[in-house]
Amino acid sequence: MILRSLSRLLVPPLCVTCGAEGCEPFCAVCARATLPAADFSLAGFDDARALFAFGGSIELALHLFKDGGREDVGRALGRCLGPWIGKDEVLLPVPGEPNRTRKRGFNPPSVLARASGARVEWGLLSRRAGPPQRGLGRHQRLTNVAGVFESRPEIHGRSFVVLDDVVTTGATVDEVARVLRAGGARCRLLALAHVED
């Protein structure tokens, strides 16, 4: 905490999309190009919410983060999540597809989770390698992720906040919820962005 405060004195916060100083994650101009996510629900979750609708500044920021390797952008975005997580809640970031994570060098939901300041539990949920979800329709996505997640017995009787970066069709997080519920856990979903129809 002290190091973070000191680093902010030495390097002022920057807008993640245009680089304007003194604001994070977005300057006033770039913030106007974001929209809050509309309410949505997913059957496997007690509650589901996203901070932003996918598009505008948030789409650009996520592109810089996920495709441009800008973990600093991910950390800035992750700090936005803190107020949406209760002090006693435990985060489970959605595990990335192993080959994609290795190629990228990081898993976006994990970067967001670390930066949120919330309690995170690692290793309770794992994912086997498989084809990427990007570019697939809902039915293909559901088939693509069926059976790729596995949970540990320690989840039984517990409650978690499943954290994802972007919810598109919901296929990935639906499968996560199915696995957690089958293991005896309850869960709610928190995402940075939601792709709306």
C-alpha atoms as a PDB file:
ATOM      1  CA  MET A   1       0.000   0.000   0.000  1.00  0.00           C
ATOM      2  CA  ILE A   2       2.823   2.400   0.917  1.00  0.00           C
ATOM      3  CA  LEU A   3       4.740   1.458  -2.245  1.00  0.00           C
ATOM      4  CA  ARG A   4       1.637   2.030  -4.382  1.00  0.00           C
ATOM      5  CA  SER A   5       1.108   5.486  -2.812  1.00  0.00           C
ATOM      6  CA  LEU A   6       4.779   6.364  -3.306  1.00  0.00           C
ATOM      7  CA  SER A   7       4.751   5.206  -6.937  1.00  0.00           C
ATOM      8  CA  ARG A   8       1.663   7.369  -7.592  1.00  0.00           C
ATOM      9  CA  LEU A   9       3.564  10.412  -6.305  1.00  0.00           C
ATOM     10  CA  LEU A  10       6.508   9.684  -8.584  1.00  0.00           C
ATOM     11  CA  VAL A  11       4.442   8.581 -11.596  1.00  0.00           C
ATOM     12  CA  PRO A  12       1.027  10.268 -11.717  1.00  0.00           C
ATOM     13  CA  PRO A  13      -1.953   8.167 -12.807  1.00  0.00           C
ATOM     14  CA  LEU A  14      -2.625   8.249 -16.528  1.00  0.00           C
ATOM     15  CA  CYS A  15      -5.704   7.747 -18.648  1.00  0.00           C
ATOM     16  CA  VAL A  16      -5.337   4.223 -20.024  1.00  0.00           C
ATOM     17  CA  THR A  17      -6.543   5.151 -23.507  1.00  0.00           C
ATOM     18  CA  CYS A  18      -5.104   8.606 -24.266  1.00  0.00           C
ATOM     19  CA  GLY A  19      -2.346   8.968 -21.651  1.00  0.00           C
ATOM     20  CA  ALA A  20      -3.649  12.216 -20.088  1.00  0.00           C
ATOM     21  CA  GLU A  21      -2.069  12.764 -16.666  1.00  0.00           C
ATOM     22  CA  GLY A  22      -3.796  12.888 -13.324  1.00  0.00           C
ATOM     23  CA  CYS A  23      -6.683  10.513 -13.963  1.00  0.00           C
ATOM     24  CA  GLU A  24      -7.239   6.787 -13.894  1.00  0.00           C
ATOM     25  CA  PRO A  25      -8.505   4.723 -15.539  1.00  0.00           C
ATOM     26  CA  PHE A  26     -10.034   7.317 -17.897  1.00  0.00           C
ATOM     27  CA  CYS A  27      -9.773  11.070 -18.320  1.00  0.00           C
ATOM     28  CA  ALA A  28     -13.023  13.056 -18.521  1.00  0.00           C
ATOM     29  CA  VAL A  29     -13.058  12.901 -22.336  1.00  0.00           C
ATOM     30  CA  CYS A  30     -12.420   9.143 -22.549  1.00  0.00           C
ATOM     31  CA  ALA A  31     -14.834   8.467 -19.669  1.00  0.00           C
ATOM     32  CA  ARG A  32     -17.600  10.006 -21.772  1.00  0.00           C
ATOM     33  CA  ALA A  33     -16.921   7.242 -24.322  1.00  0.00           C
ATOM     34  CA  THR A  34     -17.855   4.534 -21.803  1.00  0.00           C
ATOM     35  CA  LEU A  35     -21.298   3.293 -20.879  1.00  0.00           C
ATOM     36  CA  PRO A  36     -22.377   1.357 -17.794  1.00  0.00           C
ATOM     37  CA  ALA A  37     -23.425  -2.202 -18.516  1.00  0.00           C
ATOM     38  CA  ALA A  38     -27.133  -2.945 -18.635  1.00  0.00           C
ATOM     39  CA  ASP A  39     -28.537  -5.436 -16.152  1.00  0.00           C
ATOM     40  CA  PHE A  40     -28.267  -9.062 -17.210  1.00  0.00           C
ATOM     41  CA  SER A  41     -28.594 -12.452 -15.577  1.00  0.00           C
ATOM     42  CA  LEU A  42     -27.078 -15.876 -16.073  1.00  0.00           C
ATOM     43  CA  ALA A  43     -28.823 -18.946 -14.708  1.00  0.00           C
ATOM     44  CA  GLY A  44     -25.903 -20.465 -12.785  1.00  0.00           C
ATOM     45  CA  PHE A  45     -25.145 -17.340 -10.751  1.00  0.00           C
ATOM     46  CA  ASP A  46     -26.900 -15.849  -7.733  1.00  0.00           C
ATOM     47  CA  ASP A  47     -26.150 -12.440  -9.274  1.00  0.00           C
ATOM     48  CA  ALA A  48     -24.368 -11.244 -12.410  1.00  0.00           C
ATOM     49  CA  ARG A  49     -23.076  -7.788 -13.164  1.00  0.00           C
ATOM     50  CA  ALA A  50     -20.536  -5.970 -15.305  1.00  0.00           C
ATOM     51  CA  LEU A  51     -19.162  -2.487 -14.808  1.00  0.00           C
ATOM     52  CA  PHE A  52     -19.100  -1.396 -18.449  1.00  0.00           C
ATOM     53  CA  ALA A  53     -20.821  -2.092 -21.737  1.00  0.00           C
ATOM     54  CA  PHE A  54     -18.218  -3.326 -24.211  1.00  0.00           C
ATOM     55  CA  GLY A  55     -17.402  -0.535 -26.665  1.00  0.00           C
ATOM     56  CA  GLY A  56     -15.795   2.900 -26.824  1.00  0.00           C
ATOM     57  CA  SER A  57     -12.954   3.559 -24.394  1.00  0.00           C
ATOM     58  CA  ILE A  58     -13.400   0.277 -22.552  1.00  0.00           C
ATOM     59  CA  GLU A  59     -13.048  -1.706 -25.784  1.00  0.00           C
ATOM     60  CA  LEU A  60      -9.861   0.184 -26.649  1.00  0.00           C
ATOM     61  CA  ALA A  61      -8.477  -0.274 -23.127  1.00  0.00           C
ATOM     62  CA  LEU A  62      -9.205  -4.010 -23.197  1.00  0.00           C
ATOM     63  CA  HIS A  63      -7.539  -4.299 -26.612  1.00  0.00           C
ATOM     64  CA  LEU A  64      -4.412  -2.588 -25.249  1.00  0.00           C
ATOM     65  CA  PHE A  65      -4.478  -4.844 -22.191  1.00  0.00           C
ATOM     66  CA  LYS A  66      -5.254  -8.234 -23.732  1.00  0.00           C
ATOM     67  CA  ASP A  67      -3.814  -7.971 -27.236  1.00  0.00           C
ATOM     68  CA  GLY A  68      -1.174  -5.313 -26.644  1.00  0.00           C
ATOM     69  CA  GLY A  69       0.346  -6.901 -23.535  1.00  0.00           C
ATOM     70  CA  ARG A  70      -0.319  -3.781 -21.432  1.00  0.00           C
ATOM     71  CA  GLU A  71      -0.657  -5.256 -17.959  1.00  0.00           C
ATOM     72  CA  ASP A  72      -0.478  -1.706 -16.553  1.00  0.00           C
ATOM     73  CA  VAL A  73      -3.791  -0.993 -18.284  1.00  0.00           C
ATOM     74  CA  GLY A  74      -5.234  -4.165 -16.756  1.00  0.00           C
ATOM     75  CA  ARG A  75      -4.085  -3.126 -13.297  1.00  0.00           C
ATOM     76  CA  ALA A  76      -5.704   0.302 -13.693  1.00  0.00           C
ATOM     77  CA  LEU A  77      -8.947  -1.325 -14.816  1.00  0.00           C
ATOM     78  CA  GLY A  78      -8.733  -3.866 -11.998  1.00  0.00           C
ATOM     79  CA  ARG A  79      -8.658  -1.100  -9.394  1.00  0.00           C
ATOM     80  CA  CYS A  80     -12.160  -0.107 -10.585  1.00  0.00           C
ATOM     81  CA  LEU A  81     -13.495  -3.465  -9.386  1.00  0.00           C
ATOM     82  CA  GLY A  82     -12.622  -3.034  -5.711  1.00  0.00           C
ATOM     83  CA  PRO A  83     -15.781  -1.128  -4.694  1.00  0.00           C
ATOM     84  CA  TRP A  84     -17.945  -3.882  -6.213  1.00  0.00           C
ATOM     85  CA  ILE A  85     -16.451  -6.608  -4.024  1.00  0.00           C
ATOM     86  CA  GLY A  86     -17.449  -7.061  -0.377  1.00  0.00           C
ATOM     87  CA  LYS A  87     -14.678  -7.160   2.209  1.00  0.00           C
ATOM     88  CA  ASP A  88     -15.480 -10.784   3.084  1.00  0.00           C
ATOM     89  CA  GLU A  89     -15.938 -11.982  -0.494  1.00  0.00           C
ATOM     90  CA  VAL A  90     -13.416 -14.250  -2.198  1.00  0.00           C
ATOM     91  CA  LEU A  91     -12.546 -13.855  -5.888  1.00  0.00           C
ATOM     92  CA  LEU A  92     -12.058 -16.736  -8.294  1.00  0.00           C
ATOM     93  CA  PRO A  93     -10.645 -15.363 -11.562  1.00  0.00           C
ATOM     94  CA  VAL A  94     -11.707 -17.381 -14.602  1.00  0.00           C
ATOM     95  CA  PRO A  95      -8.626 -19.399 -15.639  1.00  0.00           C
ATOM     96  CA  GLY A  96      -7.352 -18.656 -19.109  1.00  0.00           C
ATOM     97  CA  GLU A  97      -6.889 -21.252 -21.807  1.00  0.00           C
ATOM     98  CA  PRO A  98      -3.357 -22.533 -21.005  1.00  0.00           C
ATOM     99  CA  ASN A  99      -1.805 -22.124 -24.474  1.00  0.00           C
ATOM    100  CA  ARG A 100      -3.255 -18.642 -24.887  1.00  0.00           C
ATOM    101  CA  THR A 101      -2.132 -17.630 -21.383  1.00  0.00           C
ATOM    102  CA  ARG A 102       1.395 -18.901 -22.064  1.00  0.00           C
ATOM    103  CA  LYS A 103       1.563 -16.998 -25.359  1.00  0.00           C
ATOM    104  CA  ARG A 104       0.162 -13.790 -23.833  1.00  0.00           C
ATOM    105  CA  GLY A 105       2.304 -14.074 -20.697  1.00  0.00           C
ATOM    106  CA  PHE A 106      -0.609 -13.469 -18.304  1.00  0.00           C
ATOM    107  CA  ASN A 107      -4.264 -14.303 -17.705  1.00  0.00           C
ATOM    108  CA  PRO A 108      -6.389 -11.109 -17.910  1.00  0.00           C
ATOM    109  CA  PRO A 109      -8.880 -12.023 -15.140  1.00  0.00           C
ATOM    110  CA  SER A 110      -5.958 -12.822 -12.820  1.00  0.00           C
ATOM    111  CA  VAL A 111      -4.364  -9.402 -13.443  1.00  0.00           C
ATOM    112  CA  LEU A 112      -7.709  -7.716 -12.721  1.00  0.00           C
ATOM    113  CA  ALA A 113      -8.173  -9.782  -9.558  1.00  0.00           C
ATOM    114  CA  ARG A 114      -4.742  -8.922  -8.150  1.00  0.00           C
ATOM    115  CA  ALA A 115      -5.276  -5.212  -8.797  1.00  0.00           C
ATOM    116  CA  SER A 116      -8.762  -5.158  -7.245  1.00  0.00           C
ATOM    117  CA  GLY A 117      -7.368  -5.282  -3.717  1.00  0.00           C
ATOM    118  CA  ALA A 118      -9.794  -8.095  -2.828  1.00  0.00           C
ATOM    119  CA  ARG A 119      -8.979 -11.521  -1.432  1.00  0.00           C
ATOM    120  CA  VAL A 120      -8.206 -13.998  -4.209  1.00  0.00           C
ATOM    121  CA  GLU A 121      -7.937 -17.767  -3.936  1.00  0.00           C
ATOM    122  CA  TRP A 122      -5.726 -19.447  -6.496  1.00  0.00           C
ATOM    123  CA  GLY A 123      -5.750 -23.040  -7.666  1.00  0.00           C
ATOM    124  CA  LEU A 124      -9.361 -23.904  -6.759  1.00  0.00           C
ATOM    125  CA  LEU A 125     -10.392 -23.793 -10.404  1.00  0.00           C
ATOM    126  CA  SER A 126      -8.330 -25.012 -13.357  1.00  0.00           C
ATOM    127  CA  ARG A 127      -8.788 -25.174 -17.119  1.00  0.00           C
ATOM    128  CA  ARG A 128      -7.550 -27.678 -19.660  1.00  0.00           C
ATOM    129  CA  ALA A 129      -6.183 -26.600 -23.019  1.00  0.00           C
ATOM    130  CA  GLY A 130      -8.634 -26.171 -25.875  1.00  0.00           C
ATOM    131  CA  PRO A 131      -9.401 -24.022 -28.898  1.00  0.00           C
ATOM    132  CA  PRO A 132      -9.915 -20.266 -28.340  1.00  0.00           C
ATOM    133  CA  GLN A 133     -13.410 -18.831 -27.870  1.00  0.00           C
ATOM    134  CA  ARG A 134     -12.811 -15.681 -29.900  1.00  0.00           C
ATOM    135  CA  GLY A 135     -14.831 -15.510 -33.103  1.00  0.00           C
ATOM    136  CA  LEU A 136     -17.230 -18.334 -32.195  1.00  0.00           C
ATOM    137  CA  GLY A 137     -21.018 -18.107 -31.853  1.00  0.00           C
ATOM    138  CA  ARG A 138     -22.873 -19.044 -28.663  1.00  0.00           C
ATOM    139  CA  HIS A 139     -23.552 -22.683 -29.603  1.00  0.00           C
ATOM    140  CA  GLN A 140     -19.940 -23.226 -30.706  1.00  0.00           C
ATOM    141  CA  ARG A 141     -18.679 -21.540 -27.525  1.00  0.00           C
ATOM    142  CA  LEU A 142     -20.827 -23.785 -25.324  1.00  0.00           C
ATOM    143  CA  THR A 143     -19.501 -26.891 -27.070  1.00  0.00           C
ATOM    144  CA  ASN A 144     -15.945 -25.541 -26.995  1.00  0.00           C
ATOM    145  CA  VAL A 145     -15.818 -25.093 -23.198  1.00  0.00           C
ATOM    146  CA  ALA A 146     -17.858 -28.118 -22.144  1.00  0.00           C
ATOM    147  CA  GLY A 147     -15.801 -30.065 -19.610  1.00  0.00           C
ATOM    148  CA  VAL A 148     -12.653 -27.885 -19.725  1.00  0.00           C
ATOM    149  CA  PHE A 149     -12.929 -26.579 -16.132  1.00  0.00           C
ATOM    150  CA  GLU A 150     -12.265 -28.542 -12.979  1.00  0.00           C
ATOM    151  CA  SER A 151     -12.678 -27.518  -9.345  1.00  0.00           C
ATOM    152  CA  ARG A 152     -11.033 -28.752  -6.164  1.00  0.00           C
ATOM    153  CA  PRO A 153     -13.035 -30.354  -3.322  1.00  0.00           C
ATOM    154  CA  GLU A 154     -12.224 -27.379  -1.039  1.00  0.00           C
ATOM    155  CA  ILE A 155     -14.895 -25.290  -2.788  1.00  0.00           C
ATOM    156  CA  HIS A 156     -17.710 -27.306  -1.171  1.00  0.00           C
ATOM    157  CA  GLY A 157     -20.032 -25.183   0.975  1.00  0.00           C
ATOM    158  CA  ARG A 158     -18.322 -21.918   0.080  1.00  0.00           C
ATOM    159  CA  SER A 159     -19.387 -18.820  -1.839  1.00  0.00           C
ATOM    160  CA  PHE A 160     -17.264 -17.072  -4.482  1.00  0.00           C
ATOM    161  CA  VAL A 161     -17.215 -14.099  -6.812  1.00  0.00           C
ATOM    162  CA  VAL A 162     -16.261 -15.386 -10.265  1.00  0.00           C
ATOM    163  CA  LEU A 163     -14.282 -12.658 -12.022  1.00  0.00           C
ATOM    164  CA  ASP A 164     -13.980 -12.356 -15.790  1.00  0.00           C
ATOM    165  CA  ASP A 165     -12.720  -9.580 -18.042  1.00  0.00           C
ATOM    166  CA  VAL A 166     -15.390  -9.673 -20.770  1.00  0.00           C
ATOM    167  CA  VAL A 167     -18.630 -11.652 -20.890  1.00  0.00           C
ATOM    168  CA  THR A 168     -19.633 -12.148 -24.520  1.00  0.00           C
ATOM    169  CA  THR A 169     -22.149 -14.977 -24.901  1.00  0.00           C
ATOM    170  CA  GLY A 170     -21.752 -16.168 -21.312  1.00  0.00           C
ATOM    171  CA  ALA A 171     -20.703 -19.661 -22.415  1.00  0.00           C
ATOM    172  CA  THR A 172     -17.395 -19.678 -20.510  1.00  0.00           C
ATOM    173  CA  VAL A 173     -18.792 -18.364 -17.235  1.00  0.00           C
ATOM    174  CA  ASP A 174     -21.865 -20.637 -17.570  1.00  0.00           C
ATOM    175  CA  GLU A 175     -19.508 -23.610 -17.593  1.00  0.00           C
ATOM    176  CA  VAL A 176     -17.573 -22.211 -14.617  1.00  0.00           C
ATOM    177  CA  ALA A 177     -20.836 -21.818 -12.672  1.00  0.00           C
ATOM    178  CA  ARG A 178     -21.885 -25.364 -13.571  1.00  0.00           C
ATOM    179  CA  VAL A 179     -18.601 -26.789 -12.257  1.00  0.00           C
ATOM    180  CA  LEU A 180     -18.703 -24.728  -9.051  1.00  0.00           C
ATOM    181  CA  ARG A 181     -22.305 -25.667  -8.308  1.00  0.00           C
ATOM    182  CA  ALA A 182     -21.585 -29.333  -9.019  1.00  0.00           C
ATOM    183  CA  GLY A 183     -18.816 -29.052  -6.412  1.00  0.00           C
ATOM    184  CA  GLY A 184     -21.226 -27.639  -3.825  1.00  0.00           C
ATOM    185  CA  ALA A 185     -20.311 -23.939  -4.075  1.00  0.00           C
ATOM    186  CA  ARG A 186     -22.421 -20.835  -4.625  1.00  0.00           C
ATOM    187  CA  CYS A 187     -21.244 -18.055  -6.889  1.00  0.00           C
ATOM    188  CA  ARG A 188     -21.959 -14.642  -8.275  1.00  0.00           C
ATOM    189  CA  LEU A 189     -20.391 -13.111 -11.375  1.00  0.00           C
ATOM    190  CA  LEU A 190     -18.492  -9.849 -11.683  1.00  0.00           C
ATOM    191  CA  ALA A 191     -17.089  -8.808 -15.050  1.00  0.00           C
ATOM    192  CA  LEU A 192     -15.325  -5.711 -16.218  1.00  0.00           C
ATOM    193  CA  ALA A 193     -17.359  -5.556 -19.439  1.00  0.00           C
ATOM    194  CA  HIS A 194     -20.372  -7.158 -21.043  1.00  0.00           C
ATOM    195  CA  VAL A 195     -20.967  -7.412 -24.800  1.00  0.00           C
ATOM    196  CA  GLU A 196     -24.576  -6.344 -25.194  1.00  0.00           C
ATOM    197  CA  ASP A 197     -26.941  -7.245 -28.047  1.00  0.00           C
END
